[in-house]
Amino acid sequence: MRIGCATSLRGFSTPKAYHGPMRLLEALASLFINTFGITQPTDATRRRAAWFILGLLILMLAVVATVGYVLYRSMHA
């Protein structure tokens, strides 16, 4: 007997031309889409959303690193 999940990621059981990192990005995009109840997008839109989310994560990491660096420099000046 196979038990499915209501929020399972469609299309992840089929092989793709890319591997690990893109699947992780698509999983993050699917998590975001399913968490906020957004209508399920097409595969192309899902990939675009994955790259957009990656850009936001990189931007957030850069902001946190910059704030940390500024705080470090201000305490040790």
C-alpha atoms as a PDB file:
ATOM      1  CA  MET A   1       0.000   0.000   0.000  1.00  0.00           C
ATOM      2  CA  ARG A   2       1.390   3.373  -1.019  1.00  0.00           C
ATOM      3  CA  ILE A   3       0.615   6.421   1.098  1.00  0.00           C
ATOM      4  CA  GLY A   4       0.962   9.796  -0.559  1.00  0.00           C
ATOM      5  CA  CYS A   5       1.346  13.235   0.932  1.00  0.00           C
ATOM      6  CA  ALA A   6      -1.001  16.067  -0.011  1.00  0.00           C
ATOM      7  CA  THR A   7       1.946  18.419  -0.469  1.00  0.00           C
ATOM      8  CA  SER A   8       4.176  16.011  -2.400  1.00  0.00           C
ATOM      9  CA  LEU A   9       6.411  17.494  -5.051  1.00  0.00           C
ATOM     10  CA  ARG A  10       5.171  16.593  -8.476  1.00  0.00           C
ATOM     11  CA  GLY A  11       7.709  15.750 -11.141  1.00  0.00           C
ATOM     12  CA  PHE A  12      10.548  14.854  -8.790  1.00  0.00           C
ATOM     13  CA  SER A  13      10.371  11.126  -9.485  1.00  0.00           C
ATOM     14  CA  THR A  14      11.315  11.591 -13.136  1.00  0.00           C
ATOM     15  CA  PRO A  15      14.978  12.048 -14.088  1.00  0.00           C
ATOM     16  CA  LYS A  16      15.984  15.562 -15.079  1.00  0.00           C
ATOM     17  CA  ALA A  17      18.922  17.020 -17.001  1.00  0.00           C
ATOM     18  CA  TYR A  18      20.230  18.598 -13.815  1.00  0.00           C
ATOM     19  CA  HIS A  19      20.913  17.077 -10.445  1.00  0.00           C
ATOM     20  CA  GLY A  20      21.250  17.972  -6.765  1.00  0.00           C
ATOM     21  CA  PRO A  21      21.364  21.778  -6.513  1.00  0.00           C
ATOM     22  CA  MET A  22      18.500  22.458  -8.894  1.00  0.00           C
ATOM     23  CA  ARG A  23      16.343  19.831  -7.238  1.00  0.00           C
ATOM     24  CA  LEU A  24      17.032  21.502  -3.906  1.00  0.00           C
ATOM     25  CA  LEU A  25      16.049  24.871  -5.376  1.00  0.00           C
ATOM     26  CA  GLU A  26      12.864  23.412  -6.843  1.00  0.00           C
ATOM     27  CA  ALA A  27      12.086  21.758  -3.517  1.00  0.00           C
ATOM     28  CA  LEU A  28      12.462  25.146  -1.795  1.00  0.00           C
ATOM     29  CA  ALA A  29      10.239  26.774  -4.411  1.00  0.00           C
ATOM     30  CA  SER A  30       7.613  24.040  -3.998  1.00  0.00           C
ATOM     31  CA  LEU A  31       7.775  24.406  -0.229  1.00  0.00           C
ATOM     32  CA  PHE A  32       7.227  28.156  -0.547  1.00  0.00           C
ATOM     33  CA  ILE A  33       4.385  27.706  -3.056  1.00  0.00           C
ATOM     34  CA  ASN A  34       2.634  25.050  -0.975  1.00  0.00           C
ATOM     35  CA  THR A  35       3.134  26.918   2.323  1.00  0.00           C
ATOM     36  CA  PHE A  36       1.462  30.069   1.086  1.00  0.00           C
ATOM     37  CA  GLY A  37      -1.217  28.268  -0.922  1.00  0.00           C
ATOM     38  CA  ILE A  38      -0.190  29.690  -4.267  1.00  0.00           C
ATOM     39  CA  THR A  39      -1.681  28.053  -7.371  1.00  0.00           C
ATOM     40  CA  GLN A  40       0.662  25.361  -8.723  1.00  0.00           C
ATOM     41  CA  PRO A  41       2.756  26.903 -11.512  1.00  0.00           C
ATOM     42  CA  THR A  42       3.999  25.359 -14.734  1.00  0.00           C
ATOM     43  CA  ASP A  43       7.444  23.740 -14.755  1.00  0.00           C
ATOM     44  CA  ALA A  44       9.053  26.796 -16.384  1.00  0.00           C
ATOM     45  CA  THR A  45       7.523  29.136 -13.817  1.00  0.00           C
ATOM     46  CA  ARG A  46       8.573  26.789 -11.017  1.00  0.00           C
ATOM     47  CA  ARG A  47      12.190  26.952 -12.245  1.00  0.00           C
ATOM     48  CA  ARG A  48      11.996  30.751 -12.463  1.00  0.00           C
ATOM     49  CA  ALA A  49      10.639  30.887  -8.912  1.00  0.00           C
ATOM     50  CA  ALA A  50      13.478  28.615  -7.769  1.00  0.00           C
ATOM     51  CA  TRP A  51      16.100  30.972  -9.231  1.00  0.00           C
ATOM     52  CA  PHE A  52      14.301  33.976  -7.716  1.00  0.00           C
ATOM     53  CA  ILE A  53      14.315  32.344  -4.278  1.00  0.00           C
ATOM     54  CA  LEU A  54      18.022  31.521  -4.694  1.00  0.00           C
ATOM     55  CA  GLY A  55      18.665  35.185  -5.478  1.00  0.00           C
ATOM     56  CA  LEU A  56      16.781  36.258  -2.362  1.00  0.00           C
ATOM     57  CA  LEU A  57      18.731  33.779  -0.206  1.00  0.00           C
ATOM     58  CA  ILE A  58      22.056  35.033  -1.583  1.00  0.00           C
ATOM     59  CA  LEU A  59      20.987  38.649  -1.034  1.00  0.00           C
ATOM     60  CA  MET A  60      19.926  37.866   2.539  1.00  0.00           C
ATOM     61  CA  LEU A  61      23.238  36.125   3.211  1.00  0.00           C
ATOM     62  CA  ALA A  62      25.137  39.125   1.826  1.00  0.00           C
ATOM     63  CA  VAL A  63      23.158  41.538   4.032  1.00  0.00           C
ATOM     64  CA  VAL A  64      23.736  39.424   7.156  1.00  0.00           C
ATOM     65  CA  ALA A  65      27.466  39.122   6.367  1.00  0.00           C
ATOM     66  CA  THR A  66      27.759  42.879   5.759  1.00  0.00           C
ATOM     67  CA  VAL A  67      25.958  43.747   8.990  1.00  0.00           C
ATOM     68  CA  GLY A  68      28.155  41.289  10.884  1.00  0.00           C
ATOM     69  CA  TYR A  69      31.296  42.767   9.344  1.00  0.00           C
ATOM     70  CA  VAL A  70      30.216  46.338  10.157  1.00  0.00           C
ATOM     71  CA  LEU A  71      29.409  45.369  13.753  1.00  0.00           C
ATOM     72  CA  TYR A  72      32.725  43.538  14.103  1.00  0.00           C
ATOM     73  CA  ARG A  73      34.684  46.505  12.727  1.00  0.00           C
ATOM     74  CA  SER A  74      32.825  48.969  14.943  1.00  0.00           C
ATOM     75  CA  MET A  75      33.594  46.918  18.079  1.00  0.00           C
ATOM     76  CA  HIS A  76      37.270  46.493  17.233  1.00  0.00           C
ATOM     77  CA  ALA A  77      38.087  49.940  15.905  1.00  0.00           C
END
